[in-house]
PDB file of all heavy atoms in Angstrom:
ATOM      1  N   VAL A   1       4.225  -0.240  -3.730  1.00  0.00           N
ATOM      2  CA  VAL A   1       3.666  -0.394  -5.074  1.00  0.00           C
ATOM      3  C   VAL A   1       2.152  -0.532  -5.002  1.00  0.00           C
ATOM      4  O   VAL A   1       1.415   0.083  -5.790  1.00  0.00           O
ATOM      5  CB  VAL A   1       4.289  -1.613  -5.781  1.00  0.00           C
ATOM      6  CG1 VAL A   1       3.560  -1.904  -7.088  1.00  0.00           C
ATOM      7  CG2 VAL A   1       5.776  -1.362  -6.044  1.00  0.00           C
ATOM      8  N   SER A   2       1.676  -1.322  -4.054  1.00  0.00           N
ATOM      9  CA  SER A   2       0.240  -1.501  -3.887  1.00  0.00           C
ATOM     10  C   SER A   2      -0.443  -0.176  -3.562  1.00  0.00           C
ATOM     11  O   SER A   2      -1.519   0.138  -4.099  1.00  0.00           O
ATOM     12  CB  SER A   2      -0.032  -2.520  -2.779  1.00  0.00           C
ATOM     13  OG  SER A   2      -1.415  -2.664  -2.548  1.00  0.00           O
ATOM     14  N   ALA A   3       0.201   0.616  -2.690  1.00  0.00           N
ATOM     15  CA  ALA A   3      -0.355   1.921  -2.326  1.00  0.00           C
ATOM     16  C   ALA A   3      -0.433   2.835  -3.539  1.00  0.00           C
ATOM     17  O   ALA A   3      -1.436   3.525  -3.764  1.00  0.00           O
ATOM     18  CB  ALA A   3       0.497   2.561  -1.231  1.00  0.00           C
ATOM     19  N   ALA A   4       0.617   2.823  -4.357  1.00  0.00           N
ATOM     20  CA  ALA A   4       0.645   3.672  -5.551  1.00  0.00           C
ATOM     21  C   ALA A   4      -0.442   3.269  -6.542  1.00  0.00           C
ATOM     22  O   ALA A   4      -1.108   4.122  -7.144  1.00  0.00           O
ATOM     23  CB  ALA A   4       2.026   3.600  -6.199  1.00  0.00           C
ATOM     24  N   LYS A   5      -0.636   1.972  -6.713  1.00  0.00           N
ATOM     25  CA  LYS A   5      -1.674   1.499  -7.639  1.00  0.00           C
ATOM     26  C   LYS A   5      -3.061   1.948  -7.194  1.00  0.00           C
ATOM     27  O   LYS A   5      -3.903   2.316  -8.020  1.00  0.00           O
ATOM     28  CB  LYS A   5      -1.618  -0.024  -7.742  1.00  0.00           C
ATOM     29  CG  LYS A   5      -0.412  -0.551  -8.511  1.00  0.00           C
ATOM     30  CD  LYS A   5      -0.426  -2.073  -8.579  1.00  0.00           C
ATOM     31  CE  LYS A   5       0.764  -2.591  -9.401  1.00  0.00           C
ATOM     32  NZ  LYS A   5       0.804  -4.080  -9.435  1.00  0.00           N
ATOM     33  N   ASN A   6      -3.291   1.942  -5.884  1.00  0.00           N
ATOM     34  CA  ASN A   6      -4.599   2.352  -5.366  1.00  0.00           C
ATOM     35  C   ASN A   6      -4.844   3.853  -5.549  1.00  0.00           C
ATOM     36  O   ASN A   6      -5.995   4.293  -5.632  1.00  0.00           O
ATOM     37  CB  ASN A   6      -4.716   1.993  -3.888  1.00  0.00           C
ATOM     38  CG  ASN A   6      -4.820   0.492  -3.656  1.00  0.00           C
ATOM     39  OD1 ASN A   6      -5.275  -0.242  -4.535  1.00  0.00           O
ATOM     40  ND2 ASN A   6      -4.401   0.033  -2.482  1.00  0.00           N
ATOM     41  N   LEU A   7      -3.771   4.625  -5.619  1.00  0.00           N
ATOM     42  CA  LEU A   7      -3.916   6.074  -5.783  1.00  0.00           C
ATOM     43  C   LEU A   7      -4.309   6.455  -7.208  1.00  0.00           C
ATOM     44  O   LEU A   7      -4.933   7.482  -7.427  1.00  0.00           O
ATOM     45  CB  LEU A   7      -2.605   6.782  -5.404  1.00  0.00           C
ATOM     46  CG  LEU A   7      -2.209   6.725  -3.933  1.00  0.00           C
ATOM     47  CD1 LEU A   7      -0.824   7.342  -3.727  1.00  0.00           C
ATOM     48  CD2 LEU A   7      -3.242   7.462  -3.079  1.00  0.00           C
ATOM     49  N   GLU A   8      -3.890   5.642  -8.180  1.00  0.00           N
ATOM     50  CA  GLU A   8      -4.208   5.880  -9.586  1.00  0.00           C
ATOM     51  C   GLU A   8      -3.864   7.316 -10.005  1.00  0.00           C
ATOM     52  O   GLU A   8      -4.684   8.043 -10.559  1.00  0.00           O
ATOM     53  CB  GLU A   8      -5.685   5.594  -9.861  1.00  0.00           C
ATOM     54  CG  GLU A   8      -6.073   4.142  -9.622  1.00  0.00           C
ATOM     55  CD  GLU A   8      -7.538   3.886  -9.930  1.00  0.00           C
ATOM     56  OE1 GLU A   8      -8.292   4.869 -10.037  1.00  0.00           O
ATOM     57  OE2 GLU A   8      -7.921   2.712 -10.054  1.00  0.00           O
ATOM     58  N   SER A   9      -2.646   7.714  -9.729  1.00  0.00           N
ATOM     59  CA  SER A   9      -2.177   9.052 -10.070  1.00  0.00           C
ATOM     60  C   SER A   9      -1.153   8.965 -11.196  1.00  0.00           C
ATOM     61  O   SER A   9      -0.578   7.904 -11.456  1.00  0.00           O
ATOM     62  CB  SER A   9      -1.545   9.705  -8.833  1.00  0.00           C
ATOM     63  OG  SER A   9      -1.022  10.969  -9.134  1.00  0.00           O
ATOM     64  N   SER A  10      -0.909  10.082 -11.863  1.00  0.00           N
ATOM     65  CA  SER A  10       0.120  10.105 -12.912  1.00  0.00           C
ATOM     66  C   SER A  10       1.499  10.401 -12.324  1.00  0.00           C
ATOM     67  O   SER A  10       2.520  10.135 -12.960  1.00  0.00           O
ATOM     68  CB  SER A  10      -0.221  11.163 -13.968  1.00  0.00           C
ATOM     69  OG  SER A  10      -0.311  12.445 -13.373  1.00  0.00           O
ATOM     70  N   VAL A  11       1.506  10.962 -11.109  1.00  0.00           N
ATOM     71  CA  VAL A  11       2.750  11.283 -10.418  1.00  0.00           C
ATOM     72  C   VAL A  11       2.624  10.843  -8.966  1.00  0.00           C
ATOM     73  O   VAL A  11       1.565  11.015  -8.345  1.00  0.00           O
ATOM     74  CB  VAL A  11       3.059  12.798 -10.479  1.00  0.00           C
ATOM     75  CG1 VAL A  11       4.320  13.120  -9.688  1.00  0.00           C
ATOM     76  CG2 VAL A  11       3.193  13.261 -11.918  1.00  0.00           C
ATOM     77  N   TYR A  12       3.709  10.275  -8.424  1.00  0.00           N
ATOM     78  CA  TYR A  12       3.719   9.812  -7.038  1.00  0.00           C
ATOM     79  C   TYR A  12       4.883  10.457  -6.287  1.00  0.00           C
ATOM     80  O   TYR A  12       5.936  10.753  -6.870  1.00  0.00           O
ATOM     81  CB  TYR A  12       3.857   8.289  -6.975  1.00  0.00           C
ATOM     82  CG  TYR A  12       2.833   7.563  -7.813  1.00  0.00           C
ATOM     83  CD1 TYR A  12       3.131   7.161  -9.116  1.00  0.00           C
ATOM     84  CD2 TYR A  12       1.566   7.298  -7.319  1.00  0.00           C
ATOM     85  CE1 TYR A  12       2.189   6.515  -9.897  1.00  0.00           C
ATOM     86  CE2 TYR A  12       0.618   6.648  -8.096  1.00  0.00           C
ATOM     87  CZ  TYR A  12       0.930   6.261  -9.380  1.00  0.00           C
ATOM     88  OH  TYR A  12      -0.005   5.621 -10.152  1.00  0.00           O
ATOM     89  N   VAL A  13       4.679  10.658  -5.006  1.00  0.00           N
ATOM     90  CA  VAL A  13       5.750  11.163  -4.146  1.00  0.00           C
ATOM     91  C   VAL A  13       6.020  10.112  -3.086  1.00  0.00           C
ATOM     92  O   VAL A  13       5.110   9.711  -2.348  1.00  0.00           O
ATOM     93  CB  VAL A  13       5.381  12.501  -3.488  1.00  0.00           C
ATOM     94  CG1 VAL A  13       6.577  13.054  -2.714  1.00  0.00           C
ATOM     95  CG2 VAL A  13       4.915  13.505  -4.534  1.00  0.00           C
ATOM     96  N   VAL A  14       7.267   9.646  -3.036  1.00  0.00           N
ATOM     97  CA  VAL A  14       7.671   8.635  -2.058  1.00  0.00           C
ATOM     98  C   VAL A  14       8.485   9.341  -0.975  1.00  0.00           C
ATOM     99  O   VAL A  14       9.522   9.945  -1.267  1.00  0.00           O
ATOM    100  CB  VAL A  14       8.509   7.522  -2.710  1.00  0.00           C
ATOM    101  CG1 VAL A  14       8.856   6.448  -1.685  1.00  0.00           C
ATOM    102  CG2 VAL A  14       7.750   6.912  -3.891  1.00  0.00           C
ATOM    103  N   LYS A  15       8.005   9.263   0.266  1.00  0.00           N
ATOM    104  CA  LYS A  15       8.597  10.043   1.356  1.00  0.00           C
ATOM    105  C   LYS A  15       9.068   9.156   2.506  1.00  0.00           C
ATOM    106  O   LYS A  15       8.290   8.365   3.048  1.00  0.00           O
ATOM    107  CB  LYS A  15       7.574  11.050   1.902  1.00  0.00           C
ATOM    108  CG  LYS A  15       7.105  12.084   0.893  1.00  0.00           C
ATOM    109  CD  LYS A  15       6.162  13.074   1.578  1.00  0.00           C
ATOM    110  CE  LYS A  15       5.819  14.237   0.672  1.00  0.00           C
ATOM    111  NZ  LYS A  15       4.989  15.244   1.378  1.00  0.00           N
ATOM    112  N   SER A  16      10.317   9.312   2.879  1.00  0.00           N
ATOM    113  CA  SER A  16      10.823   8.656   4.077  1.00  0.00           C
ATOM    114  C   SER A  16      10.126   9.253   5.297  1.00  0.00           C
ATOM    115  O   SER A  16       9.935  10.468   5.373  1.00  0.00           O
ATOM    116  CB  SER A  16      12.331   8.870   4.212  1.00  0.00           C
ATOM    117  OG  SER A  16      13.027   8.338   3.114  1.00  0.00           O
ATOM    118  N   GLN A  17       9.770   8.394   6.243  1.00  0.00           N
ATOM    119  CA  GLN A  17       9.105   8.856   7.457  1.00  0.00           C
ATOM    120  C   GLN A  17      10.050   8.729   8.652  1.00  0.00           C
ATOM    121  O   GLN A  17      10.288   7.636   9.172  1.00  0.00           O
ATOM    122  CB  GLN A  17       7.828   8.056   7.695  1.00  0.00           C
ATOM    123  CG  GLN A  17       6.795   8.187   6.591  1.00  0.00           C
ATOM    124  CD  GLN A  17       6.217   9.584   6.489  1.00  0.00           C
ATOM    125  OE1 GLN A  17       5.389  10.006   7.304  1.00  0.00           O
ATOM    126  NE2 GLN A  17       6.658  10.335   5.481  1.00  0.00           N
ATOM    127  N   ILE A  18      10.608   9.862   9.057  1.00  0.00           N
ATOM    128  CA  ILE A  18      11.427   9.936  10.265  1.00  0.00           C
ATOM    129  C   ILE A  18      11.044  11.203  11.013  1.00  0.00           C
ATOM    130  O   ILE A  18      10.439  12.107  10.443  1.00  0.00           O
ATOM    131  CB  ILE A  18      12.944   9.952   9.959  1.00  0.00           C
ATOM    132  CG1 ILE A  18      13.308  11.149   9.070  1.00  0.00           C
ATOM    133  CG2 ILE A  18      13.378   8.647   9.313  1.00  0.00           C
ATOM    134  CD1 ILE A  18      14.792  11.347   8.873  1.00  0.00           C
ATOM    135  N   HIS A  19      11.403  11.265  12.286  1.00  0.00           N
ATOM    136  CA  HIS A  19      11.103  12.452  13.081  1.00  0.00           C
ATOM    137  C   HIS A  19      12.210  13.491  12.915  1.00  0.00           C
ATOM    138  O   HIS A  19      12.927  13.838  13.858  1.00  0.00           O
ATOM    139  CB  HIS A  19      10.962  12.087  14.564  1.00  0.00           C
ATOM    140  CG  HIS A  19       9.706  11.338  14.875  1.00  0.00           C
ATOM    141  ND1 HIS A  19       9.389  10.896  16.139  1.00  0.00           N
ATOM    142  CD2 HIS A  19       8.674  10.936  14.084  1.00  0.00           C
ATOM    143  CE1 HIS A  19       8.225  10.263  16.111  1.00  0.00           C
ATOM    144  NE2 HIS A  19       7.776  10.275  14.879  1.00  0.00           N
ATOM    145  N   ALA A  20      12.359  13.997  11.710  1.00  0.00           N
ATOM    146  CA  ALA A  20      13.359  15.036  11.431  1.00  0.00           C
ATOM    147  C   ALA A  20      13.000  15.706  10.114  1.00  0.00           C
ATOM    148  O   ALA A  20      12.441  15.076   9.210  1.00  0.00           O
ATOM    149  CB  ALA A  20      14.764  14.440  11.361  1.00  0.00           C
ATOM    150  N   GLY A  21      13.337  16.981  10.017  1.00  0.00           N
ATOM    151  CA  GLY A  21      13.083  17.724   8.794  1.00  0.00           C
ATOM    152  C   GLY A  21      14.260  17.641   7.842  1.00  0.00           C
ATOM    153  O   GLY A  21      15.279  17.015   8.120  1.00  0.00           O
ATOM    154  N   GLY A  22      14.096  18.282   6.701  1.00  0.00           N
ATOM    155  CA  GLY A  22      15.159  18.295   5.708  1.00  0.00           C
ATOM    156  C   GLY A  22      15.337  16.983   4.974  1.00  0.00           C
ATOM    157  O   GLY A  22      16.415  16.699   4.438  1.00  0.00           O
ATOM    158  N   ARG A  23      14.282  16.186   4.903  1.00  0.00           N
ATOM    159  CA  ARG A  23      14.399  14.849   4.300  1.00  0.00           C
ATOM    160  C   ARG A  23      14.718  14.918   2.813  1.00  0.00           C
ATOM    161  O   ARG A  23      15.502  14.119   2.301  1.00  0.00           O
ATOM    162  CB  ARG A  23      13.104  14.064   4.526  1.00  0.00           C
ATOM    163  CG  ARG A  23      12.801  13.743   5.982  1.00  0.00           C
ATOM    164  CD  ARG A  23      11.371  13.244   6.149  1.00  0.00           C
ATOM    165  NE  ARG A  23      10.415  14.278   5.785  1.00  0.00           N
ATOM    166  CZ  ARG A  23       9.128  14.046   5.524  1.00  0.00           C
ATOM    167  NH1 ARG A  23       8.664  12.805   5.556  1.00  0.00           N
ATOM    168  NH2 ARG A  23       8.321  15.045   5.222  1.00  0.00           N
ATOM    169  N   GLY A  24      14.087  15.859   2.122  1.00  0.00           N
ATOM    170  CA  GLY A  24      14.298  15.947   0.678  1.00  0.00           C
ATOM    171  C   GLY A  24      15.729  16.254   0.303  1.00  0.00           C
ATOM    172  O   GLY A  24      16.244  15.745  -0.698  1.00  0.00           O
ATOM    173  N   ALA A  25      16.383  17.078   1.118  1.00  0.00           N
ATOM    174  CA  ALA A  25      17.774  17.444   0.852  1.00  0.00           C
ATOM    175  C   ALA A  25      18.755  16.527   1.562  1.00  0.00           C
ATOM    176  O   ALA A  25      19.967  16.725   1.470  1.00  0.00           O
ATOM    177  CB  ALA A  25      18.020  18.893   1.280  1.00  0.00           C
ATOM    178  N   GLY A  26      18.237  15.508   2.260  1.00  0.00           N
ATOM    179  CA  GLY A  26      19.101  14.599   2.998  1.00  0.00           C
ATOM    180  C   GLY A  26      19.827  13.612   2.091  1.00  0.00           C
ATOM    181  O   GLY A  26      19.587  13.550   0.883  1.00  0.00           O
ATOM    182  N   GLN A  27      20.694  12.840   2.703  1.00  0.00           N
ATOM    183  CA  GLN A  27      21.471  11.827   1.985  1.00  0.00           C
ATOM    184  C   GLN A  27      21.421  10.516   2.766  1.00  0.00           C
ATOM    185  O   GLN A  27      21.482  10.520   3.994  1.00  0.00           O
ATOM    186  CB  GLN A  27      22.928  12.262   1.834  1.00  0.00           C
ATOM    187  CG  GLN A  27      23.122  13.490   0.958  1.00  0.00           C
ATOM    188  CD  GLN A  27      22.911  13.177  -0.516  1.00  0.00           C
ATOM    189  OE1 GLN A  27      23.429  12.205  -1.039  1.00  0.00           O
ATOM    190  NE2 GLN A  27      22.141  14.022  -1.194  1.00  0.00           N
ATOM    191  N   PHE A  28      21.324   9.415   2.027  1.00  0.00           N
ATOM    192  CA  PHE A  28      21.343   8.113   2.678  1.00  0.00           C
ATOM    193  C   PHE A  28      22.779   7.654   2.888  1.00  0.00           C
ATOM    194  O   PHE A  28      23.622   7.784   1.997  1.00  0.00           O
ATOM    195  CB  PHE A  28      20.563   7.082   1.858  1.00  0.00           C
ATOM    196  CG  PHE A  28      19.072   7.215   1.987  1.00  0.00           C
ATOM    197  CD1 PHE A  28      18.346   7.955   1.067  1.00  0.00           C
ATOM    198  CD2 PHE A  28      18.405   6.622   3.046  1.00  0.00           C
ATOM    199  CE1 PHE A  28      16.983   8.103   1.194  1.00  0.00           C
ATOM    200  CE2 PHE A  28      17.037   6.761   3.184  1.00  0.00           C
ATOM    201  CZ  PHE A  28      16.323   7.497   2.256  1.00  0.00           C
ATOM    202  N   LEU A  29      23.031   7.131   4.067  1.00  0.00           N
ATOM    203  CA  LEU A  29      24.362   6.667   4.416  1.00  0.00           C
ATOM    204  C   LEU A  29      24.748   5.491   3.526  1.00  0.00           C
ATOM    205  O   LEU A  29      23.965   4.557   3.329  1.00  0.00           O
ATOM    206  CB  LEU A  29      24.395   6.244   5.891  1.00  0.00           C
ATOM    207  CG  LEU A  29      25.759   5.968   6.514  1.00  0.00           C
ATOM    208  CD1 LEU A  29      26.602   7.235   6.531  1.00  0.00           C
ATOM    209  CD2 LEU A  29      25.579   5.438   7.935  1.00  0.00           C
ATOM    210  N   ASP A  30      25.954   5.538   2.966  1.00  0.00           N
ATOM    211  CA  ASP A  30      26.495   4.474   2.111  1.00  0.00           C
ATOM    212  C   ASP A  30      25.657   4.236   0.854  1.00  0.00           C
ATOM    213  O   ASP A  30      25.657   3.138   0.294  1.00  0.00           O
ATOM    214  CB  ASP A  30      26.611   3.159   2.897  1.00  0.00           C
ATOM    215  CG  ASP A  30      27.532   3.284   4.100  1.00  0.00           C
ATOM    216  OD1 ASP A  30      28.515   4.044   4.007  1.00  0.00           O
ATOM    217  OD2 ASP A  30      27.253   2.633   5.131  1.00  0.00           O
ATOM    218  N   SER A  31      24.946   5.267   0.405  1.00  0.00           N
ATOM    219  CA  SER A  31      24.140   5.123  -0.810  1.00  0.00           C
ATOM    220  C   SER A  31      24.992   5.392  -2.043  1.00  0.00           C
ATOM    221  O   SER A  31      25.909   6.211  -2.025  1.00  0.00           O
ATOM    222  CB  SER A  31      22.960   6.094  -0.776  1.00  0.00           C
ATOM    223  OG  SER A  31      22.256   6.072  -1.998  1.00  0.00           O
ATOM    224  N   GLU A  32      24.671   4.701  -3.112  1.00  0.00           N
ATOM    225  CA  GLU A  32      25.393   4.904  -4.364  1.00  0.00           C
ATOM    226  C   GLU A  32      24.807   6.049  -5.176  1.00  0.00           C
ATOM    227  O   GLU A  32      25.352   6.429  -6.217  1.00  0.00           O
ATOM    228  CB  GLU A  32      25.359   3.611  -5.197  1.00  0.00           C
ATOM    229  CG  GLU A  32      26.084   2.446  -4.530  1.00  0.00           C
ATOM    230  CD  GLU A  32      26.016   1.180  -5.359  1.00  0.00           C
ATOM    231  OE1 GLU A  32      25.354   1.217  -6.418  1.00  0.00           O
ATOM    232  OE2 GLU A  32      26.619   0.164  -4.954  1.00  0.00           O
ATOM    233  N   THR A  33      23.690   6.601  -4.724  1.00  0.00           N
ATOM    234  CA  THR A  33      23.069   7.738  -5.407  1.00  0.00           C
ATOM    235  C   THR A  33      23.055   8.935  -4.464  1.00  0.00           C
ATOM    236  O   THR A  33      23.279   8.810  -3.262  1.00  0.00           O
ATOM    237  CB  THR A  33      21.630   7.418  -5.833  1.00  0.00           C
ATOM    238  OG1 THR A  33      20.785   7.400  -4.669  1.00  0.00           O
ATOM    239  CG2 THR A  33      21.557   6.074  -6.526  1.00  0.00           C
ATOM    240  N   ASP A  34      22.778  10.112  -5.010  1.00  0.00           N
ATOM    241  CA  ASP A  34      22.688  11.316  -4.194  1.00  0.00           C
ATOM    242  C   ASP A  34      21.231  11.732  -3.985  1.00  0.00           C
ATOM    243  O   ASP A  34      20.940  12.865  -3.612  1.00  0.00           O
ATOM    244  CB  ASP A  34      23.467  12.465  -4.839  1.00  0.00           C
ATOM    245  CG  ASP A  34      22.974  12.785  -6.251  1.00  0.00           C
ATOM    246  OD1 ASP A  34      22.077  12.076  -6.751  1.00  0.00           O
ATOM    247  OD2 ASP A  34      23.499  13.755  -6.841  1.00  0.00           O
ATOM    248  N   LYS A  35      20.310  10.788  -4.228  1.00  0.00           N
ATOM    249  CA  LYS A  35      18.893  11.081  -4.062  1.00  0.00           C
ATOM    250  C   LYS A  35      18.546  11.170  -2.580  1.00  0.00           C
ATOM    251  O   LYS A  35      19.071  10.433  -1.751  1.00  0.00           O
ATOM    252  CB  LYS A  35      18.050   9.997  -4.735  1.00  0.00           C
ATOM    253  CG  LYS A  35      18.239   9.929  -6.248  1.00  0.00           C
ATOM    254  CD  LYS A  35      17.402   8.809  -6.843  1.00  0.00           C
ATOM    255  CE  LYS A  35      17.595   8.716  -8.354  1.00  0.00           C
ATOM    256  NZ  LYS A  35      16.824   7.591  -8.938  1.00  0.00           N
ATOM    257  N   GLY A  36      17.647  12.081  -2.260  1.00  0.00           N
ATOM    258  CA  GLY A  36      17.270  12.312  -0.879  1.00  0.00           C
ATOM    259  C   GLY A  36      16.141  11.421  -0.403  1.00  0.00           C
ATOM    260  O   GLY A  36      15.814  10.414  -1.024  1.00  0.00           O
ATOM    261  N   GLY A  37      15.516  11.839   0.710  1.00  0.00           N
ATOM    262  CA  GLY A  37      14.474  11.035   1.337  1.00  0.00           C
ATOM    263  C   GLY A  37      13.073  11.343   0.864  1.00  0.00           C
ATOM    264  O   GLY A  37      12.109  10.754   1.350  1.00  0.00           O
ATOM    265  N   VAL A  38      12.931  12.273  -0.105  1.00  0.00           N
ATOM    266  CA  VAL A  38      11.636  12.564  -0.725  1.00  0.00           C
ATOM    267  C   VAL A  38      11.851  12.570  -2.229  1.00  0.00           C
ATOM    268  O   VAL A  38      12.671  13.328  -2.747  1.00  0.00           O
ATOM    269  CB  VAL A  38      11.075  13.921  -0.258  1.00  0.00           C
ATOM    270  CG1 VAL A  38       9.769  14.229  -0.986  1.00  0.00           C
ATOM    271  CG2 VAL A  38      10.850  13.935   1.249  1.00  0.00           C
ATOM    272  N   ARG A  39      11.104  11.725  -2.952  1.00  0.00           N
ATOM    273  CA  ARG A  39      11.330  11.585  -4.386  1.00  0.00           C
ATOM    274  C   ARG A  39      10.012  11.620  -5.158  1.00  0.00           C
ATOM    275  O   ARG A  39       9.028  10.988  -4.762  1.00  0.00           O
ATOM    276  CB  ARG A  39      12.060  10.281  -4.687  1.00  0.00           C
ATOM    277  CG  ARG A  39      13.394  10.167  -3.933  1.00  0.00           C
ATOM    278  CD  ARG A  39      14.092   8.865  -4.184  1.00  0.00           C
ATOM    279  NE  ARG A  39      15.240   8.706  -3.304  1.00  0.00           N
ATOM    280  CZ  ARG A  39      16.019   7.633  -3.274  1.00  0.00           C
ATOM    281  NH1 ARG A  39      15.776   6.614  -4.102  1.00  0.00           N
ATOM    282  NH2 ARG A  39      17.043   7.578  -2.434  1.00  0.00           N
ATOM    283  N   VAL A  40      10.027  12.341  -6.260  1.00  0.00           N
ATOM    284  CA  VAL A  40       8.874  12.420  -7.152  1.00  0.00           C
ATOM    285  C   VAL A  40       9.110  11.458  -8.312  1.00  0.00           C
ATOM    286  O   VAL A  40      10.126  11.551  -9.008  1.00  0.00           O
ATOM    287  CB  VAL A  40       8.679  13.852  -7.687  1.00  0.00           C
ATOM    288  CG1 VAL A  40       7.487  13.906  -8.633  1.00  0.00           C
ATOM    289  CG2 VAL A  40       8.495  14.830  -6.534  1.00  0.00           C
ATOM    290  N   VAL A  41       8.198  10.513  -8.499  1.00  0.00           N
ATOM    291  CA  VAL A  41       8.367   9.482  -9.525  1.00  0.00           C
ATOM    292  C   VAL A  41       7.068   9.329 -10.321  1.00  0.00           C
ATOM    293  O   VAL A  41       6.017   9.831  -9.915  1.00  0.00           O
ATOM    294  CB  VAL A  41       8.761   8.128  -8.902  1.00  0.00           C
ATOM    295  CG1 VAL A  41      10.091   8.248  -8.172  1.00  0.00           C
ATOM    296  CG2 VAL A  41       7.683   7.641  -7.941  1.00  0.00           C
ATOM    297  N   LYS A  42       7.166   8.583 -11.430  1.00  0.00           N
ATOM    298  CA  LYS A  42       5.999   8.459 -12.309  1.00  0.00           C
ATOM    299  C   LYS A  42       5.574   7.021 -12.574  1.00  0.00           C
ATOM    300  O   LYS A  42       4.453   6.789 -13.036  1.00  0.00           O
ATOM    301  CB  LYS A  42       6.283   9.158 -13.645  1.00  0.00           C
ATOM    302  CG  LYS A  42       6.439  10.661 -13.527  1.00  0.00           C
ATOM    303  CD  LYS A  42       6.621  11.306 -14.898  1.00  0.00           C
ATOM    304  CE  LYS A  42       6.707  12.825 -14.780  1.00  0.00           C
ATOM    305  NZ  LYS A  42       6.860  13.479 -16.111  1.00  0.00           N
ATOM    306  N   THR A  43       6.436   6.057 -12.335  1.00  0.00           N
ATOM    307  CA  THR A  43       6.107   4.672 -12.675  1.00  0.00           C
ATOM    308  C   THR A  43       6.164   3.780 -11.441  1.00  0.00           C
ATOM    309  O   THR A  43       6.779   4.126 -10.428  1.00  0.00           O
ATOM    310  CB  THR A  43       7.087   4.119 -13.718  1.00  0.00           C
ATOM    311  OG1 THR A  43       8.398   4.025 -13.126  1.00  0.00           O
ATOM    312  CG2 THR A  43       7.148   5.022 -14.944  1.00  0.00           C
ATOM    313  N   MET A  44       5.534   2.605 -11.560  1.00  0.00           N
ATOM    314  CA  MET A  44       5.548   1.649 -10.451  1.00  0.00           C
ATOM    315  C   MET A  44       6.963   1.143 -10.174  1.00  0.00           C
ATOM    316  O   MET A  44       7.334   0.902  -9.024  1.00  0.00           O
ATOM    317  CB  MET A  44       4.627   0.463 -10.771  1.00  0.00           C
ATOM    318  CG  MET A  44       3.164   0.846 -10.843  1.00  0.00           C
ATOM    319  SD  MET A  44       2.541   1.522  -9.297  1.00  0.00           S
ATOM    320  CE  MET A  44       1.567   2.884  -9.905  1.00  0.00           C
ATOM    321  N   SER A  45       7.736   0.977 -11.227  1.00  0.00           N
ATOM    322  CA  SER A  45       9.113   0.509 -11.025  1.00  0.00           C
ATOM    323  C   SER A  45       9.929   1.544 -10.254  1.00  0.00           C
ATOM    324  O   SER A  45      10.777   1.190  -9.418  1.00  0.00           O
ATOM    325  CB  SER A  45       9.774   0.205 -12.382  1.00  0.00           C
ATOM    326  OG  SER A  45       9.832   1.364 -13.197  1.00  0.00           O
TER     327      SER A  45
END
């Protein structure tokens, strides 16, 4: 959140950092959502 506030952008991209590709289309183990490891968001929440 602090990093996003310092960027002062209207759109933010939150990216998982692992040594593997395909993060955006990936899936989190035991997750209740189907969202991947790269997400485009607009608010601090």
